[in-house]
Amino acid sequence: MSCRKSGRSGRPFALLAAVQLFLLLDMAFDWRWKIHGLFDQSAMTLGVYGERRPPQVMALLVLFGVLVLAAIWIYLRFRGRPGLAMAVTGTVLSVGVTCCEGISYHYVDLVFYHMIGSVMAVSLVWIGLALFTCWGLLLDRRSQRRYRR
């Protein structure tokens, strides 16, 4: 509604909400782990489970490259709205962490699932990205108020 009042497009916010809802459902129903288990089962059936490390490394490198390109594109696309750029970047990185978890490379898992106190490191990453996304949305909302005055 505030986008209509300010004359700005609400599409980015709807898309962010949809992606965040998908991430929430993924956490609730463990979809990434079910997909990971399906790939593990297929690899065991084909007898190539022991050869999974090189493809995992390649997948992580491709994922990293895609995330870097996405961050550059977001920066260029939303240059005039830094808060929105932060929110979109935070959401894209959240999707990247989800994909990284699904790839489940042993050395990445060691870092992600390392306990810091009674919390896994990956949980702190999720919290940090959620805060980054929310902060970006808050900054964008504040900039909308300034333009309306």
C-alpha atoms as a PDB file:
ATOM      1  CA  MET A   1       0.000   0.000   0.000  1.00  0.00           C
ATOM      2  CA  SER A   2       2.803   2.428   0.788  1.00  0.00           C
ATOM      3  CA  CYS A   3       4.286   1.726  -2.652  1.00  0.00           C
ATOM      4  CA  ARG A   4       1.009   2.792  -4.277  1.00  0.00           C
ATOM      5  CA  LYS A   5       0.928   5.986  -2.226  1.00  0.00           C
ATOM      6  CA  SER A   6       4.517   6.876  -3.120  1.00  0.00           C
ATOM      7  CA  GLY A   7       4.187   5.845  -6.761  1.00  0.00           C
ATOM      8  CA  ARG A   8       6.921   3.206  -6.486  1.00  0.00           C
ATOM      9  CA  SER A   9       6.706  -0.326  -7.765  1.00  0.00           C
ATOM     10  CA  GLY A  10       5.778  -2.922  -5.168  1.00  0.00           C
ATOM     11  CA  ARG A  11       7.047  -5.790  -7.329  1.00  0.00           C
ATOM     12  CA  PRO A  12      10.475  -6.059  -5.606  1.00  0.00           C
ATOM     13  CA  PHE A  13       8.789  -6.330  -2.208  1.00  0.00           C
ATOM     14  CA  ALA A  14       6.339  -8.964  -3.412  1.00  0.00           C
ATOM     15  CA  LEU A  15       9.208 -10.961  -4.905  1.00  0.00           C
ATOM     16  CA  LEU A  16      11.259 -10.644  -1.698  1.00  0.00           C
ATOM     17  CA  ALA A  17       8.263 -11.793   0.344  1.00  0.00           C
ATOM     18  CA  ALA A  18       7.721 -14.790  -1.957  1.00  0.00           C
ATOM     19  CA  VAL A  19      11.377 -15.858  -1.778  1.00  0.00           C
ATOM     20  CA  GLN A  20      11.463 -15.432   1.996  1.00  0.00           C
ATOM     21  CA  LEU A  21       8.269 -17.498   2.272  1.00  0.00           C
ATOM     22  CA  PHE A  22       9.894 -20.215   0.155  1.00  0.00           C
ATOM     23  CA  LEU A  23      12.965 -20.173   2.443  1.00  0.00           C
ATOM     24  CA  LEU A  24      10.705 -20.454   5.490  1.00  0.00           C
ATOM     25  CA  LEU A  25       8.867 -23.420   3.966  1.00  0.00           C
ATOM     26  CA  ASP A  26      12.214 -24.998   3.077  1.00  0.00           C
ATOM     27  CA  MET A  27      13.262 -24.742   6.724  1.00  0.00           C
ATOM     28  CA  ALA A  28       9.951 -26.139   7.914  1.00  0.00           C
ATOM     29  CA  PHE A  29       9.840 -29.092   5.507  1.00  0.00           C
ATOM     30  CA  ASP A  30      13.595 -29.704   4.928  1.00  0.00           C
ATOM     31  CA  TRP A  31      13.254 -29.619   1.144  1.00  0.00           C
ATOM     32  CA  ARG A  32      16.961 -28.970   0.588  1.00  0.00           C
ATOM     33  CA  TRP A  33      17.833 -32.065   2.616  1.00  0.00           C
ATOM     34  CA  LYS A  34      15.283 -34.176   0.780  1.00  0.00           C
ATOM     35  CA  ILE A  35      16.783 -33.066  -2.548  1.00  0.00           C
ATOM     36  CA  HIS A  36      20.273 -33.707  -1.166  1.00  0.00           C
ATOM     37  CA  GLY A  37      19.208 -37.184  -0.034  1.00  0.00           C
ATOM     38  CA  LEU A  38      17.765 -37.885  -3.485  1.00  0.00           C
ATOM     39  CA  PHE A  39      21.098 -37.015  -5.106  1.00  0.00           C
ATOM     40  CA  ASP A  40      22.980 -39.132  -2.545  1.00  0.00           C
ATOM     41  CA  GLN A  41      20.681 -42.099  -3.194  1.00  0.00           C
ATOM     42  CA  SER A  42      21.104 -41.717  -6.957  1.00  0.00           C
ATOM     43  CA  ALA A  43      24.887 -41.513  -6.615  1.00  0.00           C
ATOM     44  CA  MET A  44      24.939 -44.652  -4.440  1.00  0.00           C
ATOM     45  CA  THR A  45      22.694 -46.503  -6.889  1.00  0.00           C
ATOM     46  CA  LEU A  46      24.979 -45.553  -9.778  1.00  0.00           C
ATOM     47  CA  GLY A  47      28.074 -46.438  -7.722  1.00  0.00           C
ATOM     48  CA  VAL A  48      29.606 -42.958  -7.988  1.00  0.00           C
ATOM     49  CA  TYR A  49      29.013 -41.729  -4.432  1.00  0.00           C
ATOM     50  CA  GLY A  50      32.750 -41.747  -3.680  1.00  0.00           C
ATOM     51  CA  GLU A  51      33.348 -39.447  -6.651  1.00  0.00           C
ATOM     52  CA  ARG A  52      31.042 -36.693  -5.427  1.00  0.00           C
ATOM     53  CA  ARG A  53      33.692 -34.259  -4.166  1.00  0.00           C
ATOM     54  CA  PRO A  54      34.853 -32.755  -7.506  1.00  0.00           C
ATOM     55  CA  PRO A  55      31.265 -32.078  -8.666  1.00  0.00           C
ATOM     56  CA  GLN A  56      30.496 -30.542  -5.273  1.00  0.00           C
ATOM     57  CA  VAL A  57      33.479 -28.212  -5.571  1.00  0.00           C
ATOM     58  CA  MET A  58      32.438 -27.260  -9.111  1.00  0.00           C
ATOM     59  CA  ALA A  59      28.874 -26.622  -7.968  1.00  0.00           C
ATOM     60  CA  LEU A  60      30.138 -24.408  -5.121  1.00  0.00           C
ATOM     61  CA  LEU A  61      32.365 -22.455  -7.525  1.00  0.00           C
ATOM     62  CA  VAL A  62      29.457 -21.956  -9.936  1.00  0.00           C
ATOM     63  CA  LEU A  63      27.225 -20.914  -7.031  1.00  0.00           C
ATOM     64  CA  PHE A  64      29.845 -18.426  -5.833  1.00  0.00           C
ATOM     65  CA  GLY A  65      30.186 -16.998  -9.347  1.00  0.00           C
ATOM     66  CA  VAL A  66      26.420 -16.657  -9.711  1.00  0.00           C
ATOM     67  CA  LEU A  67      26.190 -14.912  -6.333  1.00  0.00           C
ATOM     68  CA  VAL A  68      28.956 -12.453  -7.265  1.00  0.00           C
ATOM     69  CA  LEU A  69      27.288 -11.683 -10.611  1.00  0.00           C
ATOM     70  CA  ALA A  70      23.914 -11.312  -8.887  1.00  0.00           C
ATOM     71  CA  ALA A  71      25.381  -8.889  -6.343  1.00  0.00           C
ATOM     72  CA  ILE A  72      26.901  -6.783  -9.125  1.00  0.00           C
ATOM     73  CA  TRP A  73      23.623  -6.782 -11.059  1.00  0.00           C
ATOM     74  CA  ILE A  74      21.664  -5.828  -7.923  1.00  0.00           C
ATOM     75  CA  TYR A  75      24.074  -2.972  -7.223  1.00  0.00           C
ATOM     76  CA  LEU A  76      23.704  -1.635 -10.764  1.00  0.00           C
ATOM     77  CA  ARG A  77      19.935  -2.195 -10.981  1.00  0.00           C
ATOM     78  CA  PHE A  78      19.053  -0.595  -7.639  1.00  0.00           C
ATOM     79  CA  ARG A  79      21.794   2.021  -7.493  1.00  0.00           C
ATOM     80  CA  GLY A  80      19.257   4.739  -6.667  1.00  0.00           C
ATOM     81  CA  ARG A  81      17.710   2.693  -3.855  1.00  0.00           C
ATOM     82  CA  PRO A  82      20.518   1.397  -1.634  1.00  0.00           C
ATOM     83  CA  GLY A  83      18.115   0.062   1.007  1.00  0.00           C
ATOM     84  CA  LEU A  84      16.303  -2.062  -1.534  1.00  0.00           C
ATOM     85  CA  ALA A  85      19.655  -3.205  -2.943  1.00  0.00           C
ATOM     86  CA  MET A  86      20.632  -4.360   0.572  1.00  0.00           C
ATOM     87  CA  ALA A  87      17.351  -6.230   1.025  1.00  0.00           C
ATOM     88  CA  VAL A  88      17.586  -7.975  -2.345  1.00  0.00           C
ATOM     89  CA  THR A  89      21.254  -8.839  -1.753  1.00  0.00           C
ATOM     90  CA  GLY A  90      20.436 -10.279   1.673  1.00  0.00           C
ATOM     91  CA  THR A  91      17.692 -12.423   0.180  1.00  0.00           C
ATOM     92  CA  VAL A  92      19.892 -13.616  -2.699  1.00  0.00           C
ATOM     93  CA  LEU A  93      22.641 -14.533  -0.238  1.00  0.00           C
ATOM     94  CA  SER A  94      20.075 -16.411   1.875  1.00  0.00           C
ATOM     95  CA  VAL A  95      19.156 -18.446  -1.201  1.00  0.00           C
ATOM     96  CA  GLY A  96      22.887 -18.994  -1.784  1.00  0.00           C
ATOM     97  CA  VAL A  97      23.357 -20.324   1.755  1.00  0.00           C
ATOM     98  CA  THR A  98      20.394 -22.659   1.213  1.00  0.00           C
ATOM     99  CA  CYS A  99      21.970 -23.951  -1.996  1.00  0.00           C
ATOM    100  CA  CYS A 100      25.364 -24.253  -0.314  1.00  0.00           C
ATOM    101  CA  GLU A 101      23.813 -26.332   2.450  1.00  0.00           C
ATOM    102  CA  GLY A 102      22.126 -28.536  -0.132  1.00  0.00           C
ATOM    103  CA  ILE A 103      25.440 -29.146  -1.912  1.00  0.00           C
ATOM    104  CA  SER A 104      26.797 -30.201   1.488  1.00  0.00           C
ATOM    105  CA  TYR A 105      30.523 -30.230   0.806  1.00  0.00           C
ATOM    106  CA  HIS A 106      32.289 -31.699   3.852  1.00  0.00           C
ATOM    107  CA  TYR A 107      34.612 -28.767   4.571  1.00  0.00           C
ATOM    108  CA  VAL A 108      31.816 -26.203   4.226  1.00  0.00           C
ATOM    109  CA  ASP A 109      29.663 -28.315   6.540  1.00  0.00           C
ATOM    110  CA  LEU A 110      32.449 -28.271   9.124  1.00  0.00           C
ATOM    111  CA  VAL A 111      32.253 -24.479   9.179  1.00  0.00           C
ATOM    112  CA  PHE A 112      28.457 -24.187   8.910  1.00  0.00           C
ATOM    113  CA  TYR A 113      27.680 -26.722  11.611  1.00  0.00           C
ATOM    114  CA  HIS A 114      30.420 -25.671  14.024  1.00  0.00           C
ATOM    115  CA  MET A 115      28.850 -24.853  17.373  1.00  0.00           C
ATOM    116  CA  ILE A 116      29.381 -21.346  18.713  1.00  0.00           C
ATOM    117  CA  GLY A 117      28.090 -21.630  22.239  1.00  0.00           C
ATOM    118  CA  SER A 118      24.864 -23.536  21.753  1.00  0.00           C
ATOM    119  CA  VAL A 119      24.177 -22.173  18.243  1.00  0.00           C
ATOM    120  CA  MET A 120      25.412 -23.474  14.894  1.00  0.00           C
ATOM    121  CA  ALA A 121      27.437 -21.018  12.815  1.00  0.00           C
ATOM    122  CA  VAL A 122      24.989 -21.374   9.916  1.00  0.00           C
ATOM    123  CA  SER A 123      22.204 -20.184  12.217  1.00  0.00           C
ATOM    124  CA  LEU A 124      24.178 -17.027  12.908  1.00  0.00           C
ATOM    125  CA  VAL A 125      24.629 -16.560   9.157  1.00  0.00           C
ATOM    126  CA  TRP A 126      20.857 -16.911   8.676  1.00  0.00           C
ATOM    127  CA  ILE A 127      20.191 -14.397  11.457  1.00  0.00           C
ATOM    128  CA  GLY A 128      22.734 -11.966  10.037  1.00  0.00           C
ATOM    129  CA  LEU A 129      21.250 -12.168   6.536  1.00  0.00           C
ATOM    130  CA  ALA A 130      17.724 -11.739   7.911  1.00  0.00           C
ATOM    131  CA  LEU A 131      18.825  -8.635   9.826  1.00  0.00           C
ATOM    132  CA  PHE A 132      20.624  -7.303   6.747  1.00  0.00           C
ATOM    133  CA  THR A 133      17.473  -7.800   4.655  1.00  0.00           C
ATOM    134  CA  CYS A 134      15.246  -6.150   7.264  1.00  0.00           C
ATOM    135  CA  TRP A 135      17.655  -3.259   7.681  1.00  0.00           C
ATOM    136  CA  GLY A 136      17.646  -2.706   3.917  1.00  0.00           C
ATOM    137  CA  LEU A 137      13.853  -2.687   3.849  1.00  0.00           C
ATOM    138  CA  LEU A 138      13.778  -0.222   6.729  1.00  0.00           C
ATOM    139  CA  LEU A 139      16.240   2.087   4.959  1.00  0.00           C
ATOM    140  CA  ASP A 140      14.206   1.904   1.766  1.00  0.00           C
ATOM    141  CA  ARG A 141      11.018   2.693   3.680  1.00  0.00           C
ATOM    142  CA  ARG A 142      12.662   5.708   5.310  1.00  0.00           C
ATOM    143  CA  SER A 143      13.856   6.977   1.929  1.00  0.00           C
ATOM    144  CA  GLN A 144      10.288   6.655   0.601  1.00  0.00           C
ATOM    145  CA  ARG A 145       9.045   8.880   3.440  1.00  0.00           C
ATOM    146  CA  ARG A 146      11.643  11.524   2.602  1.00  0.00           C
ATOM    147  CA  TYR A 147      10.535  11.595  -1.054  1.00  0.00           C
ATOM    148  CA  ARG A 148       6.879  12.045  -0.122  1.00  0.00           C
ATOM    149  CA  ARG A 149       7.531  15.169   1.940  1.00  0.00           C
END
